[in-house]
């Protein structure tokens, strides 16, 4: 006969695996902080681009 497989026990064994390396809470916090900082930088860049008032000057005639 075969041995029954209990999914809860298998999931618990995987969750407590000593050889498994994960980023953890610190990795998530750093990644989230980078995302928030990028969002603020993009917002600032867009507002600065909207303030630019650029009018191209006409070219001087080259035949003279």
Protein backbone atom coordinates (compact mmCIF):
# COMPACT_ATOMS: atom_id res chain seq x y z
CA UNK A 1 0.00 0.00 0.00
CA UNK A 2 1.03 3.57 -0.52
CA UNK A 3 1.59 6.12 2.20
CA UNK A 4 -0.96 8.96 2.30
CA UNK A 5 0.32 12.45 1.49
CA UNK A 6 -0.94 15.20 3.74
CA UNK A 7 -0.87 18.57 1.97
CA UNK A 8 -0.78 20.62 5.17
CA UNK A 9 2.26 18.73 6.41
CA UNK A 10 4.00 19.07 3.03
CA UNK A 11 3.29 22.83 2.95
CA UNK A 12 4.62 23.23 6.50
CA UNK A 13 7.80 21.35 5.59
CA UNK A 14 8.36 23.60 2.57
CA UNK A 15 7.74 26.76 4.58
CA UNK A 16 10.28 25.79 7.24
CA UNK A 17 12.96 24.63 4.82
CA UNK A 18 16.32 25.70 6.28
CA UNK A 19 18.06 25.76 2.88
CA UNK A 20 15.51 28.09 1.30
CA UNK A 21 16.72 31.69 0.92
CA UNK A 22 14.16 34.47 0.58
CA UNK A 23 14.48 38.28 0.55
CA UNK A 24 12.18 38.60 3.53
CA UNK A 25 10.67 41.74 4.96
CA UNK A 26 13.77 43.89 4.46
CA UNK A 27 13.87 43.05 0.75
CA UNK A 28 10.21 43.96 0.36
CA UNK A 29 10.65 47.26 2.21
CA UNK A 30 13.66 48.23 0.07
CA UNK A 31 11.84 47.29 -3.15
CA UNK A 32 8.74 49.24 -2.10
CA UNK A 33 10.87 52.28 -1.17
CA UNK A 34 12.55 52.21 -4.58
CA UNK A 35 9.13 52.06 -6.26
CA UNK A 36 7.80 55.02 -4.26
CA UNK A 37 10.97 57.05 -4.91
CA UNK A 38 10.70 56.33 -8.64
CA UNK A 39 7.06 57.45 -8.64
CA UNK A 40 7.98 60.76 -6.94
CA UNK A 41 10.87 61.33 -9.35
CA UNK A 42 8.63 60.75 -12.38
CA UNK A 43 6.01 63.13 -10.98
CA UNK A 44 8.65 65.81 -10.44
CA UNK A 45 10.09 65.29 -13.93
CA UNK A 46 6.67 65.62 -15.55
CA UNK A 47 5.89 68.84 -13.69
CA UNK A 48 9.25 70.32 -14.71
CA UNK A 49 8.71 69.36 -18.35
CA UNK A 50 5.34 71.12 -18.31
CA UNK A 51 7.01 74.35 -17.14
CA UNK A 52 9.44 74.46 -20.06
CA UNK A 53 8.58 77.25 -22.49
CA UNK A 54 10.63 76.59 -25.60
CA UNK A 55 10.19 78.53 -28.81
CA UNK A 56 12.47 77.67 -31.66
CA UNK A 57 14.23 80.66 -33.23
CA UNK A 58 14.04 81.03 -37.00
CA UNK A 59 17.18 80.11 -38.90
CA UNK A 60 19.31 82.91 -40.28
CA UNK A 61 19.56 83.00 -44.09
CA UNK A 62 22.74 81.21 -45.22
CA UNK A 63 23.00 82.81 -48.68
CA UNK A 64 24.32 86.17 -47.47
